[in-house]
Amino acid sequence: MELARTFGGKKFMCDGRVYEDRREAEEVSQKYKGSGFEVELIEEDGQWFLFTRRVVTEVVVEGKPI
């Protein structure tokens, strides 16, 4: 299994789990979506895989500039 794939010109990372059941994968997918992730769900050889991505919208920097 590839750890990263491109969908629609965007890079997604595998969440590292193998789902034997589509329903379980869809439930986890909804949790990711609720946390602001884009999700791609794919099936290969009877197993399901989730690929996720999230764009960083804010960077918090601590400390004084050099």
Protein backbone atom coordinates (compact mmCIF):
# COMPACT_ATOMS: atom_id res chain seq x y z
CA MET A 1 0.00 0.00 0.00
CA GLU A 2 1.26 3.43 -0.94
CA LEU A 3 1.47 5.95 1.90
CA ALA A 4 0.70 8.91 -0.37
CA ARG A 5 -1.48 9.27 -3.45
CA THR A 6 -2.68 12.09 -5.64
CA PHE A 7 -6.38 12.67 -6.24
CA GLY A 8 -7.51 15.56 -8.41
CA GLY A 9 -4.02 17.05 -8.37
CA LYS A 10 -3.90 17.09 -4.55
CA LYS A 11 -1.63 14.95 -2.37
CA PHE A 12 -3.36 12.76 0.24
CA MET A 13 -1.74 10.60 2.93
CA CYS A 14 -2.97 7.17 4.01
CA ASP A 15 -4.19 7.05 7.61
CA GLY A 16 -2.25 3.79 8.05
CA ARG A 17 -5.19 1.52 8.76
CA VAL A 18 -6.71 -1.29 6.70
CA TYR A 19 -10.51 -1.47 6.87
CA GLU A 20 -12.11 -4.81 6.07
CA ASP A 21 -15.58 -3.25 6.05
CA ARG A 22 -16.71 -0.27 3.95
CA ARG A 23 -19.15 0.87 6.64
CA GLU A 24 -16.37 1.15 9.24
CA ALA A 25 -14.20 3.08 6.78
CA GLU A 26 -17.08 5.46 6.06
CA GLU A 27 -17.66 6.06 9.78
CA VAL A 28 -14.00 6.94 10.30
CA SER A 29 -14.14 9.08 7.15
CA GLN A 30 -16.95 11.14 8.67
CA LYS A 31 -14.85 11.75 11.80
CA TYR A 32 -11.97 13.01 9.67
CA LYS A 33 -14.33 15.27 7.70
CA GLY A 34 -15.71 16.64 10.97
CA SER A 35 -12.16 17.61 11.92
CA GLY A 36 -11.65 19.58 8.71
CA PHE A 37 -9.95 16.94 6.55
CA GLU A 38 -10.60 16.14 2.91
CA VAL A 39 -10.99 12.36 2.53
CA GLU A 40 -10.69 9.86 -0.31
CA LEU A 41 -11.93 6.31 0.29
CA ILE A 42 -10.65 3.55 -2.00
CA GLU A 43 -11.08 -0.21 -2.23
CA GLU A 44 -8.35 -2.61 -3.31
CA ASP A 45 -8.63 -6.39 -3.21
CA GLY A 46 -11.57 -6.31 -0.80
CA GLN A 47 -9.86 -3.97 1.65
CA TRP A 48 -10.66 -0.29 2.21
CA PHE A 49 -8.17 2.53 2.71
CA LEU A 50 -8.62 6.16 3.74
CA PHE A 51 -6.46 8.92 2.35
CA THR A 52 -6.70 12.31 4.03
CA ARG A 53 -5.40 15.84 3.64
CA ARG A 54 -5.87 19.10 5.45
CA VAL A 55 -4.62 22.49 4.38
CA VAL A 56 -2.87 24.51 7.07
CA THR A 57 -4.77 27.77 7.47
CA GLU A 58 -2.90 29.28 10.41
CA VAL A 59 0.65 29.03 11.68
CA VAL A 60 1.37 30.04 15.27
CA VAL A 61 4.96 31.08 15.93
CA GLU A 62 6.26 31.44 19.47
CA GLY A 63 9.31 33.34 20.63
CA LYS A 64 11.12 36.43 19.41
CA PRO A 65 12.28 36.84 15.81
CA ILE A 66 16.02 36.50 15.26
